[in-house]
């Protein structure tokens, strides 16, 4: 599978390949689902190879790491998807916090 940075670079610099309506789907951890956004609605910086920015409906910019991109569509068809083992699994409840013992720890001899 082609790395996401290479795919986005090809879309940007290859006019024949980059023609069409491109969308990306990234994992929104708060919603627990994949959010689909048009590629021309995201902001990227050449110096930042870690994340891109998405502006929500309220005008707030959110920084999204590239590793949270799950799918890429071209004209409504999936052309790239992250491997199955990287897809989000069911979120489990956190384990209870273990409290330290109230007595003093023993010294090692």
PDB file of N, CA and C in Angstrom:
ATOM      1  N   UNK A   1       0.843  -1.167   0.000  1.00  0.00           N
ATOM      2  CA  UNK A   1       0.000   0.000   0.000  1.00  0.00           C
ATOM      3  C   UNK A   1       0.892   1.234   0.000  1.00  0.00           C
ATOM      4  N   UNK A   2       0.496   2.239  -0.740  1.00  0.00           N
ATOM      5  CA  UNK A   2       1.247   3.490  -0.840  1.00  0.00           C
ATOM      6  C   UNK A   2       1.060   4.293   0.452  1.00  0.00           C
ATOM      7  N   UNK A   3       2.111   4.896   0.992  1.00  0.00           N
ATOM      8  CA  UNK A   3       1.960   5.725   2.182  1.00  0.00           C
ATOM      9  C   UNK A   3       1.081   6.949   1.888  1.00  0.00           C
ATOM     10  N   UNK A   4       0.376   7.427   2.891  1.00  0.00           N
ATOM     11  CA  UNK A   4      -0.572   8.528   2.696  1.00  0.00           C
ATOM     12  C   UNK A   4       0.136   9.791   2.218  1.00  0.00           C
ATOM     13  N   UNK A   5       1.344  10.065   2.700  1.00  0.00           N
ATOM     14  CA  UNK A   5       2.082  11.254   2.244  1.00  0.00           C
ATOM     15  C   UNK A   5       2.373  11.182   0.746  1.00  0.00           C
ATOM     16  N   UNK A   6       2.724  10.007   0.264  1.00  0.00           N
ATOM     17  CA  UNK A   6       3.009   9.839  -1.163  1.00  0.00           C
ATOM     18  C   UNK A   6       1.746  10.013  -2.002  1.00  0.00           C
ATOM     19  N   UNK A   7       0.624   9.488  -1.528  1.00  0.00           N
ATOM     20  CA  UNK A   7      -0.633   9.639  -2.255  1.00  0.00           C
ATOM     21  C   UNK A   7      -1.047  11.106  -2.322  1.00  0.00           C
ATOM     22  N   UNK A   8      -0.986  11.816  -1.206  1.00  0.00           N
ATOM     23  CA  UNK A   8      -1.365  13.227  -1.197  1.00  0.00           C
ATOM     24  C   UNK A   8      -0.428  14.066  -2.059  1.00  0.00           C
ATOM     25  N   UNK A   9       0.842  13.726  -2.086  1.00  0.00           N
ATOM     26  CA  UNK A   9       1.801  14.421  -2.934  1.00  0.00           C
ATOM     27  C   UNK A   9       1.479  14.192  -4.409  1.00  0.00           C
ATOM     28  N   UNK A  10       1.124  12.972  -4.760  1.00  0.00           N
ATOM     29  CA  UNK A  10       0.795  12.684  -6.164  1.00  0.00           C
ATOM     30  C   UNK A  10      -0.474  13.410  -6.586  1.00  0.00           C
ATOM     31  N   UNK A  11      -1.461  13.472  -5.702  1.00  0.00           N
ATOM     32  CA  UNK A  11      -2.698  14.204  -6.004  1.00  0.00           C
ATOM     33  C   UNK A  11      -2.372  15.674  -6.256  1.00  0.00           C
ATOM     34  N   UNK A  12      -1.469  16.207  -5.457  1.00  0.00           N
ATOM     35  CA  UNK A  12      -1.135  17.628  -5.551  1.00  0.00           C
ATOM     36  C   UNK A  12      -0.314  17.958  -6.803  1.00  0.00           C
ATOM     37  N   UNK A  13       0.657  17.114  -7.154  1.00  0.00           N
ATOM     38  CA  UNK A  13       1.615  17.462  -8.194  1.00  0.00           C
ATOM     39  C   UNK A  13       1.375  16.796  -9.544  1.00  0.00           C
ATOM     40  N   UNK A  14       0.548  15.773  -9.632  1.00  0.00           N
ATOM     41  CA  UNK A  14       0.260  15.109 -10.907  1.00  0.00           C
ATOM     42  C   UNK A  14      -1.113  15.551 -11.394  1.00  0.00           C
ATOM     43  N   UNK A  15      -1.167  16.487 -12.365  1.00  0.00           N
ATOM     44  CA  UNK A  15      -2.465  17.021 -12.783  1.00  0.00           C
ATOM     45  C   UNK A  15      -3.408  15.966 -13.363  1.00  0.00           C
ATOM     46  N   UNK A  16      -2.883  14.991 -14.080  1.00  0.00           N
ATOM     47  CA  UNK A  16      -3.746  13.961 -14.658  1.00  0.00           C
ATOM     48  C   UNK A  16      -4.345  13.083 -13.566  1.00  0.00           C
ATOM     49  N   UNK A  17      -3.545  12.717 -12.581  1.00  0.00           N
ATOM     50  CA  UNK A  17      -4.028  11.873 -11.486  1.00  0.00           C
ATOM     51  C   UNK A  17      -4.886  12.664 -10.498  1.00  0.00           C
ATOM     52  N   UNK A  18      -4.517  13.913 -10.245  1.00  0.00           N
ATOM     53  CA  UNK A  18      -5.193  14.726  -9.238  1.00  0.00           C
ATOM     54  C   UNK A  18      -6.518  15.322  -9.673  1.00  0.00           C
ATOM     55  N   UNK A  19      -6.892  15.133 -10.928  1.00  0.00           N
ATOM     56  CA  UNK A  19      -8.157  15.674 -11.415  1.00  0.00           C
ATOM     57  C   UNK A  19      -9.335  14.894 -10.831  1.00  0.00           C
ATOM     58  N   UNK A  20     -10.338  15.596 -10.345  1.00  0.00           N
ATOM     59  CA  UNK A  20     -11.526  14.948  -9.789  1.00  0.00           C
ATOM     60  C   UNK A  20     -11.845  15.485  -8.409  1.00  0.00           C
ATOM     61  N   UNK A  21     -12.857  14.913  -7.814  1.00  0.00           N
ATOM     62  CA  UNK A  21     -13.274  15.323  -6.473  1.00  0.00           C
ATOM     63  C   UNK A  21     -12.658  14.351  -5.457  1.00  0.00           C
ATOM     64  N   UNK A  22     -11.733  14.844  -4.663  1.00  0.00           N
ATOM     65  CA  UNK A  22     -11.027  14.036  -3.681  1.00  0.00           C
ATOM     66  C   UNK A  22     -11.550  14.337  -2.290  1.00  0.00           C
ATOM     67  N   UNK A  23     -11.710  13.278  -1.504  1.00  0.00           N
ATOM     68  CA  UNK A  23     -12.135  13.405  -0.115  1.00  0.00           C
ATOM     69  C   UNK A  23     -11.274  12.489   0.748  1.00  0.00           C
ATOM     70  N   UNK A  24     -11.063  12.917   1.980  1.00  0.00           N
ATOM     71  CA  UNK A  24     -10.366  12.059   2.936  1.00  0.00           C
ATOM     72  C   UNK A  24     -11.298  11.787   4.098  1.00  0.00           C
ATOM     73  N   UNK A  25     -11.097  10.660   4.727  1.00  0.00           N
ATOM     74  CA  UNK A  25     -11.846  10.293   5.927  1.00  0.00           C
ATOM     75  C   UNK A  25     -10.868  10.092   7.064  1.00  0.00           C
ATOM     76  N   UNK A  26     -11.002  10.892   8.105  1.00  0.00           N
ATOM     77  CA  UNK A  26     -10.101  10.765   9.244  1.00  0.00           C
ATOM     78  C   UNK A  26     -10.880  10.360  10.487  1.00  0.00           C
ATOM     79  N   UNK A  27     -10.204   9.703  11.395  1.00  0.00           N
ATOM     80  CA  UNK A  27     -10.820   9.236  12.632  1.00  0.00           C
ATOM     81  C   UNK A  27     -10.959  10.391  13.605  1.00  0.00           C
ATOM     82  N   UNK A  28     -12.187  10.696  13.983  1.00  0.00           N
ATOM     83  CA  UNK A  28     -12.453  11.692  15.019  1.00  0.00           C
ATOM     84  C   UNK A  28     -12.647  10.926  16.314  1.00  0.00           C
ATOM     85  N   UNK A  29     -11.693  11.070  17.225  1.00  0.00           N
ATOM     86  CA  UNK A  29     -11.730  10.279  18.454  1.00  0.00           C
ATOM     87  C   UNK A  29     -12.875  10.679  19.366  1.00  0.00           C
ATOM     88  N   UNK A  30     -13.301  11.937  19.312  1.00  0.00           N
ATOM     89  CA  UNK A  30     -14.413  12.358  20.168  1.00  0.00           C
ATOM     90  C   UNK A  30     -15.734  11.765  19.695  1.00  0.00           C
ATOM     91  N   UNK A  31     -15.941  11.752  18.374  1.00  0.00           N
ATOM     92  CA  UNK A  31     -17.173  11.176  17.829  1.00  0.00           C
ATOM     93  C   UNK A  31     -17.087   9.657  17.741  1.00  0.00           C
ATOM     94  N   UNK A  32     -15.875   9.131  17.660  1.00  0.00           N
ATOM     95  CA  UNK A  32     -15.700   7.690  17.524  1.00  0.00           C
ATOM     96  C   UNK A  32     -16.048   7.183  16.145  1.00  0.00           C
ATOM     97  N   UNK A  33     -15.956   8.068  15.139  1.00  0.00           N
ATOM     98  CA  UNK A  33     -16.292   7.669  13.781  1.00  0.00           C
ATOM     99  C   UNK A  33     -15.352   8.358  12.794  1.00  0.00           C
ATOM    100  N   UNK A  34     -15.475   7.960  11.540  1.00  0.00           N
ATOM    101  CA  UNK A  34     -14.663   8.547  10.485  1.00  0.00           C
ATOM    102  C   UNK A  34     -15.419   9.736   9.903  1.00  0.00           C
ATOM    103  N   UNK A  35     -14.727  10.885   9.849  1.00  0.00           N
ATOM    104  CA  UNK A  35     -15.306  12.120   9.311  1.00  0.00           C
ATOM    105  C   UNK A  35     -14.774  12.309   7.894  1.00  0.00           C
ATOM    106  N   UNK A  36     -15.675  12.573   6.978  1.00  0.00           N
ATOM    107  CA  UNK A  36     -15.321  12.726   5.561  1.00  0.00           C
ATOM    108  C   UNK A  36     -15.251  14.213   5.222  1.00  0.00           C
ATOM    109  N   UNK A  37     -14.100  14.631   4.642  1.00  0.00           N
ATOM    110  CA  UNK A  37     -13.864  16.046   4.331  1.00  0.00           C
ATOM    111  C   UNK A  37     -13.288  16.142   2.928  1.00  0.00           C
ATOM    112  N   UNK A  38     -13.708  17.169   2.190  1.00  0.00           N
ATOM    113  CA  UNK A  38     -13.128  17.400   0.867  1.00  0.00           C
ATOM    114  C   UNK A  38     -11.669  17.790   1.012  1.00  0.00           C
ATOM    115  N   UNK A  39     -10.844  17.310   0.114  1.00  0.00           N
ATOM    116  CA  UNK A  39      -9.415  17.562   0.182  1.00  0.00           C
ATOM    117  C   UNK A  39      -9.092  19.052   0.032  1.00  0.00           C
ATOM    118  N   UNK A  40      -9.878  19.778  -0.727  1.00  0.00           N
ATOM    119  CA  UNK A  40      -9.605  21.207  -0.881  1.00  0.00           C
ATOM    120  C   UNK A  40     -10.037  22.032   0.336  1.00  0.00           C
ATOM    121  N   UNK A  41     -10.647  21.401   1.332  1.00  0.00           N
ATOM    122  CA  UNK A  41     -11.052  22.101   2.554  1.00  0.00           C
ATOM    123  C   UNK A  41     -10.031  21.968   3.681  1.00  0.00           C
ATOM    124  N   UNK A  42      -8.963  21.195   3.463  1.00  0.00           N
ATOM    125  CA  UNK A  42      -7.950  21.052   4.502  1.00  0.00           C
ATOM    126  C   UNK A  42      -6.783  21.986   4.184  1.00  0.00           C
ATOM    127  N   UNK A  43      -6.063  22.363   5.246  1.00  0.00           N
ATOM    128  CA  UNK A  43      -4.886  23.216   5.094  1.00  0.00           C
ATOM    129  C   UNK A  43      -3.650  22.412   5.483  1.00  0.00           C
ATOM    130  N   UNK A  44      -2.631  22.509   4.639  1.00  0.00           N
ATOM    131  CA  UNK A  44      -1.373  21.820   4.932  1.00  0.00           C
ATOM    132  C   UNK A  44      -0.233  22.828   4.875  1.00  0.00           C
ATOM    133  N   UNK A  45       0.813  22.526   5.617  1.00  0.00           N
ATOM    134  CA  UNK A  45       2.041  23.307   5.568  1.00  0.00           C
ATOM    135  C   UNK A  45       3.156  22.377   5.129  1.00  0.00           C
ATOM    136  N   UNK A  46       4.009  22.851   4.237  1.00  0.00           N
ATOM    137  CA  UNK A  46       5.095  22.000   3.754  1.00  0.00           C
ATOM    138  C   UNK A  46       6.043  21.597   4.878  1.00  0.00           C
ATOM    139  N   UNK A  47       6.236  22.490   5.844  1.00  0.00           N
ATOM    140  CA  UNK A  47       7.160  22.204   6.945  1.00  0.00           C
ATOM    141  C   UNK A  47       6.585  21.198   7.941  1.00  0.00           C
ATOM    142  N   UNK A  48       5.269  21.046   7.976  1.00  0.00           N
ATOM    143  CA  UNK A  48       4.629  20.160   8.941  1.00  0.00           C
ATOM    144  C   UNK A  48       4.213  18.859   8.252  1.00  0.00           C
ATOM    145  N   UNK A  49       5.002  17.815   8.434  1.00  0.00           N
ATOM    146  CA  UNK A  49       4.669  16.519   7.842  1.00  0.00           C
ATOM    147  C   UNK A  49       3.952  15.622   8.836  1.00  0.00           C
ATOM    148  N   UNK A  50       3.557  16.199   9.985  1.00  0.00           N
ATOM    149  CA  UNK A  50       2.887  15.426  11.023  1.00  0.00           C
ATOM    150  C   UNK A  50       1.370  15.566  10.965  1.00  0.00           C
ATOM    151  N   UNK A  51       0.862  16.773  10.654  1.00  0.00           N
ATOM    152  CA  UNK A  51      -0.577  17.015  10.755  1.00  0.00           C
ATOM    153  C   UNK A  51      -1.051  18.017   9.710  1.00  0.00           C
ATOM    154  N   UNK A  52      -2.356  18.034   9.505  1.00  0.00           N
ATOM    155  CA  UNK A  52      -3.019  19.021   8.657  1.00  0.00           C
ATOM    156  C   UNK A  52      -4.115  19.677   9.489  1.00  0.00           C
ATOM    157  N   UNK A  53      -4.678  20.778   8.981  1.00  0.00           N
ATOM    158  CA  UNK A  53      -5.728  21.484   9.715  1.00  0.00           C
ATOM    159  C   UNK A  53      -7.054  21.393   8.985  1.00  0.00           C
ATOM    160  N   UNK A  54      -8.118  21.239   9.777  1.00  0.00           N
ATOM    161  CA  UNK A  54      -9.479  21.230   9.274  1.00  0.00           C
ATOM    162  C   UNK A  54     -10.249  22.274  10.065  1.00  0.00           C
ATOM    163  N   UNK A  55     -11.027  23.105   9.363  1.00  0.00           N
ATOM    164  CA  UNK A  55     -11.856  24.101  10.028  1.00  0.00           C
ATOM    165  C   UNK A  55     -13.271  23.558  10.097  1.00  0.00           C
ATOM    166  N   UNK A  56     -13.831  23.509  11.319  1.00  0.00           N
ATOM    167  CA  UNK A  56     -15.182  22.964  11.483  1.00  0.00           C
ATOM    168  C   UNK A  56     -16.237  24.019  11.148  1.00  0.00           C
ATOM    169  N   UNK A  57     -17.508  23.655  11.305  1.00  0.00           N
ATOM    170  CA  UNK A  57     -18.618  24.540  10.957  1.00  0.00           C
ATOM    171  C   UNK A  57     -18.646  25.816  11.792  1.00  0.00           C
ATOM    172  N   UNK A  58     -18.063  25.769  12.987  1.00  0.00           N
ATOM    173  CA  UNK A  58     -18.048  26.930  13.872  1.00  0.00           C
ATOM    174  C   UNK A  58     -16.833  27.823  13.633  1.00  0.00           C
ATOM    175  N   UNK A  59     -15.978  27.476  12.677  1.00  0.00           N
ATOM    176  CA  UNK A  59     -14.807  28.279  12.353  1.00  0.00           C
ATOM    177  C   UNK A  59     -13.584  27.982  13.196  1.00  0.00           C
ATOM    178  N   UNK A  60     -13.607  26.889  13.938  1.00  0.00           N
ATOM    179  CA  UNK A  60     -12.479  26.506  14.786  1.00  0.00           C
ATOM    180  C   UNK A  60     -11.574  25.547  14.011  1.00  0.00           C
ATOM    181  N   UNK A  61     -10.278  25.851  13.988  1.00  0.00           N
ATOM    182  CA  UNK A  61      -9.312  24.992  13.289  1.00  0.00           C
ATOM    183  C   UNK A  61      -8.857  23.877  14.216  1.00  0.00           C
ATOM    184  N   UNK A  62      -8.832  22.655  13.681  1.00  0.00           N
ATOM    185  CA  UNK A  62      -8.388  21.482  14.431  1.00  0.00           C
ATOM    186  C   UNK A  62      -7.199  20.876  13.703  1.00  0.00           C
ATOM    187  N   UNK A  63      -6.165  20.521  14.462  1.00  0.00           N
ATOM    188  CA  UNK A  63      -4.988  19.867  13.903  1.00  0.00           C
ATOM    189  C   UNK A  63      -5.202  18.354  13.953  1.00  0.00           C
ATOM    190  N   UNK A  64      -5.129  17.718  12.787  1.00  0.00           N
ATOM    191  CA  UNK A  64      -5.377  16.276  12.674  1.00  0.00           C
ATOM    192  C   UNK A  64      -4.089  15.596  12.209  1.00  0.00           C
ATOM    193  N   UNK A  65      -3.557  14.653  12.981  1.00  0.00           N
ATOM    194  CA  UNK A  65      -2.357  13.928  12.529  1.00  0.00           C
ATOM    195  C   UNK A  65      -2.666  13.055  11.311  1.00  0.00           C
ATOM    196  N   UNK A  66      -1.689  12.942  10.426  1.00  0.00           N
ATOM    197  CA  UNK A  66      -1.878  12.140   9.216  1.00  0.00           C
ATOM    198  C   UNK A  66      -2.159  10.676   9.519  1.00  0.00           C
ATOM    199  N   UNK A  67      -1.667  10.163  10.640  1.00  0.00           N
ATOM    200  CA  UNK A  67      -1.891   8.745  10.933  1.00  0.00           C
ATOM    201  C   UNK A  67      -3.349   8.439  11.251  1.00  0.00           C
ATOM    202  N   UNK A  68      -4.189   9.478  11.442  1.00  0.00           N
ATOM    203  CA  UNK A  68      -5.614   9.233  11.687  1.00  0.00           C
ATOM    204  C   UNK A  68      -6.436   9.199  10.406  1.00  0.00           C
ATOM    205  N   UNK A  69      -5.804   9.408   9.249  1.00  0.00           N
ATOM    206  CA  UNK A  69      -6.525   9.267   7.972  1.00  0.00           C
ATOM    207  C   UNK A  69      -6.794   7.791   7.759  1.00  0.00           C
ATOM    208  N   UNK A  70      -8.049   7.441   7.518  1.00  0.00           N
ATOM    209  CA  UNK A  70      -8.445   6.047   7.347  1.00  0.00           C
ATOM    210  C   UNK A  70      -8.783   5.687   5.907  1.00  0.00           C
ATOM    211  N   UNK A  71      -9.347   6.653   5.134  1.00  0.00           N
ATOM    212  CA  UNK A  71      -9.758   6.350   3.766  1.00  0.00           C
ATOM    213  C   UNK A  71      -9.606   7.591   2.890  1.00  0.00           C
ATOM    214  N   UNK A  72      -9.450   7.353   1.569  1.00  0.00           N
ATOM    215  CA  UNK A  72      -9.401   8.423   0.583  1.00  0.00           C
ATOM    216  C   UNK A  72     -10.333   8.025  -0.558  1.00  0.00           C
ATOM    217  N   UNK A  73     -11.171   8.978  -0.988  1.00  0.00           N
ATOM    218  CA  UNK A  73     -12.124   8.743  -2.074  1.00  0.00           C
ATOM    219  C   UNK A  73     -11.786   9.651  -3.249  1.00  0.00           C
ATOM    220  N   UNK A  74     -11.998   9.135  -4.454  1.00  0.00           N
ATOM    221  CA  UNK A  74     -11.906   9.939  -5.673  1.00  0.00           C
ATOM    222  C   UNK A  74     -13.214   9.776  -6.417  1.00  0.00           C
ATOM    223  N   UNK A  75     -13.924  10.863  -6.596  1.00  0.00           N
ATOM    224  CA  UNK A  75     -15.230  10.867  -7.258  1.00  0.00           C
ATOM    225  C   UNK A  75     -16.177   9.835  -6.646  1.00  0.00           C
ATOM    226  N   UNK A  76     -16.134   9.710  -5.315  1.00  0.00           N
ATOM    227  CA  UNK A  76     -17.051   8.827  -4.596  1.00  0.00           C
ATOM    228  C   UNK A  76     -16.611   7.382  -4.469  1.00  0.00           C
ATOM    229  N   UNK A  77     -15.468   7.013  -5.048  1.00  0.00           N
ATOM    230  CA  UNK A  77     -14.981   5.636  -4.973  1.00  0.00           C
ATOM    231  C   UNK A  77     -13.734   5.586  -4.093  1.00  0.00           C
ATOM    232  N   UNK A  78     -13.644   4.574  -3.256  1.00  0.00           N
ATOM    233  CA  UNK A  78     -12.496   4.414  -2.369  1.00  0.00           C
ATOM    234  C   UNK A  78     -11.272   4.025  -3.199  1.00  0.00           C
ATOM    235  N   UNK A  79     -10.205   4.813  -3.074  1.00  0.00           N
ATOM    236  CA  UNK A  79      -8.964   4.505  -3.786  1.00  0.00           C
ATOM    237  C   UNK A  79      -7.835   4.154  -2.826  1.00  0.00           C
ATOM    238  N   UNK A  80      -8.018   4.437  -1.543  1.00  0.00           N
ATOM    239  CA  UNK A  80      -7.001   4.135  -0.542  1.00  0.00           C
ATOM    240  C   UNK A  80      -7.692   3.893   0.791  1.00  0.00           C
ATOM    241  N   UNK A  81      -7.258   2.867   1.498  1.00  0.00           N
ATOM    242  CA  UNK A  81      -7.784   2.588   2.835  1.00  0.00           C
ATOM    243  C   UNK A  81      -6.661   2.011   3.675  1.00  0.00           C
ATOM    244  N   UNK A  82      -6.621   2.427   4.912  1.00  0.00           N
ATOM    245  CA  UNK A  82      -5.603   1.916   5.824  1.00  0.00           C
ATOM    246  C   UNK A  82      -5.870   0.440   6.079  1.00  0.00           C
ATOM    247  N   UNK A  83      -4.816  -0.339   6.299  1.00  0.00           N
ATOM    248  CA  UNK A  83      -4.966  -1.777   6.514  1.00  0.00           C
ATOM    249  C   UNK A  83      -5.903  -2.064   7.680  1.00  0.00           C
ATOM    250  N   UNK A  84      -6.487  -3.224   7.681  1.00  0.00           N
ATOM    251  CA  UNK A  84      -7.537  -3.578   8.640  1.00  0.00           C
ATOM    252  C   UNK A  84      -7.067  -3.527  10.086  1.00  0.00           C
ATOM    253  N   UNK A  85      -5.816  -3.909  10.353  1.00  0.00           N
ATOM    254  CA  UNK A  85      -5.377  -3.929  11.745  1.00  0.00           C
ATOM    255  C   UNK A  85      -5.145  -2.540  12.311  1.00  0.00           C
ATOM    256  N   UNK A  86      -5.151  -1.510  11.467  1.00  0.00           N
ATOM    257  CA  UNK A  86      -4.986  -0.145  11.958  1.00  0.00           C
ATOM    258  C   UNK A  86      -6.328   0.555  12.164  1.00  0.00           C
ATOM    259  N   UNK A  87      -7.415  -0.091  11.768  1.00  0.00           N
ATOM    260  CA  UNK A  87      -8.721   0.519  11.960  1.00  0.00           C
ATOM    261  C   UNK A  87      -9.085   0.494  13.437  1.00  0.00           C
ATOM    262  N   UNK A  88      -9.879   1.467  13.878  1.00  0.00           N
ATOM    263  CA  UNK A  88     -10.200   1.524  15.305  1.00  0.00           C
ATOM    264  C   UNK A  88     -11.009   0.314  15.747  1.00  0.00           C
ATOM    265  N   UNK A  89     -10.673  -0.187  16.919  1.00  0.00           N
ATOM    266  CA  UNK A  89     -11.421  -1.284  17.512  1.00  0.00           C
ATOM    267  C   UNK A  89     -12.430  -0.720  18.484  1.00  0.00           C
ATOM    268  N   UNK A  90     -13.205  -1.602  19.047  1.00  0.00           N
ATOM    269  CA  UNK A  90     -14.175  -1.178  20.041  1.00  0.00           C
ATOM    270  C   UNK A  90     -13.437  -0.537  21.214  1.00  0.00           C
ATOM    271  N   UNK A  91     -13.924   0.606  21.649  1.00  0.00           N
ATOM    272  CA  UNK A  91     -13.294   1.303  22.766  1.00  0.00           C
ATOM    273  C   UNK A  91     -13.775   0.660  24.060  1.00  0.00           C
ATOM    274  N   UNK A  92     -12.843   0.226  24.862  1.00  0.00           N
ATOM    275  CA  UNK A  92     -13.193  -0.436  26.113  1.00  0.00           C
ATOM    276  C   UNK A  92     -13.112   0.548  27.264  1.00  0.00           C
ATOM    277  N   UNK A  93     -13.786   0.212  28.356  1.00  0.00           N
ATOM    278  CA  UNK A  93     -13.755   1.059  29.539  1.00  0.00           C
ATOM    279  C   UNK A  93     -12.357   1.055  30.134  1.00  0.00           C
ATOM    280  N   UNK A  94     -11.912   2.197  30.661  1.00  0.00           N
ATOM    281  CA  UNK A  94     -10.589   2.211  31.281  1.00  0.00           C
ATOM    282  C   UNK A  94     -10.558   1.356  32.534  1.00  0.00           C
ATOM    283  N   UNK A  95      -9.390   0.822  32.821  1.00  0.00           N
ATOM    284  CA  UNK A  95      -9.226   0.009  34.023  1.00  0.00           C
ATOM    285  C   UNK A  95      -9.256   0.911  35.252  1.00  0.00           C
ATOM    286  N   UNK A  96      -9.715   0.377  36.384  1.00  0.00           N
ATOM    287  CA  UNK A  96      -9.710   1.195  37.602  1.00  0.00           C
ATOM    288  C   UNK A  96      -8.288   1.496  38.050  1.00  0.00           C
ATOM    289  N   UNK A  97      -8.123   2.660  38.652  1.00  0.00           N
ATOM    290  CA  UNK A  97      -6.804   3.082  39.117  1.00  0.00           C
ATOM    291  C   UNK A  97      -6.464   2.334  40.390  1.00  0.00           C
ATOM    292  N   UNK A  98      -5.258   1.774  40.438  1.00  0.00           N
ATOM    293  CA  UNK A  98      -4.806   1.076  41.646  1.00  0.00           C
ATOM    294  C   UNK A  98      -4.199   2.112  42.575  1.00  0.00           C
ATOM    295  N   UNK A  99      -4.668   2.120  43.792  1.00  0.00           N
ATOM    296  CA  UNK A  99      -4.150   3.054  44.779  1.00  0.00           C
ATOM    297  C   UNK A  99      -2.967   2.426  45.504  1.00  0.00           C
ATOM    298  N   UNK A 100      -1.975   3.233  45.844  1.00  0.00           N
ATOM    299  CA  UNK A 100      -0.819   2.676  46.544  1.00  0.00           C
ATOM    300  C   UNK A 100      -1.190   2.207  47.943  1.00  0.00           C
ATOM    301  N   UNK A 101      -0.431   1.254  48.431  1.00  0.00           N
ATOM    302  CA  UNK A 101      -0.659   0.743  49.781  1.00  0.00           C
ATOM    303  C   UNK A 101      -0.410   1.862  50.787  1.00  0.00           C
ATOM    304  N   UNK A 102      -1.133   1.832  51.903  1.00  0.00           N
ATOM    305  CA  UNK A 102      -1.006   2.895  52.893  1.00  0.00           C
ATOM    306  C   UNK A 102       0.210   2.716  53.782  1.00  0.00           C
ATOM    307  N   UNK A 103       0.726   1.508  53.887  1.00  0.00           N
ATOM    308  CA  UNK A 103       1.895   1.297  54.741  1.00  0.00           C
ATOM    309  C   UNK A 103       3.173   1.553  53.944  1.00  0.00           C
ATOM    310  N   UNK A 104       4.252   1.709  54.651  1.00  0.00           N
ATOM    311  CA  UNK A 104       5.551   1.984  54.047  1.00  0.00           C
ATOM    312  C   UNK A 104       6.057   0.760  53.282  1.00  0.00           C
ATOM    313  N   UNK A 105       6.694   0.944  52.172  1.00  0.00           N
ATOM    314  CA  UNK A 105       7.238  -0.219  51.432  1.00  0.00           C
ATOM    315  C   UNK A 105       8.412  -0.830  52.183  1.00  0.00           C
ATOM    316  N   UNK A 106       8.576  -2.129  51.992  1.00  0.00           N
ATOM    317  CA  UNK A 106       9.692  -2.828  52.643  1.00  0.00           C
ATOM    318  C   UNK A 106      11.003  -2.536  51.932  1.00  0.00           C
ATOM    319  N   UNK A 107      12.045  -2.528  52.692  1.00  0.00           N
ATOM    320  CA  UNK A 107      13.371  -2.279  52.151  1.00  0.00           C
ATOM    321  C   UNK A 107      13.927  -3.590  51.594  1.00  0.00           C
ATOM    322  N   UNK A 108      14.641  -3.526  50.523  1.00  0.00           N
ATOM    323  CA  UNK A 108      15.319  -4.703  49.983  1.00  0.00           C
ATOM    324  C   UNK A 108      16.627  -4.918  50.721  1.00  0.00           C
ATOM    325  N   UNK A 109      16.974  -6.169  50.925  1.00  0.00           N
ATOM    326  CA  UNK A 109      18.238  -6.490  51.616  1.00  0.00           C
ATOM    327  C   UNK A 109      19.280  -6.891  50.640  1.00  0.00           C
TER     328      UNK A 109
END
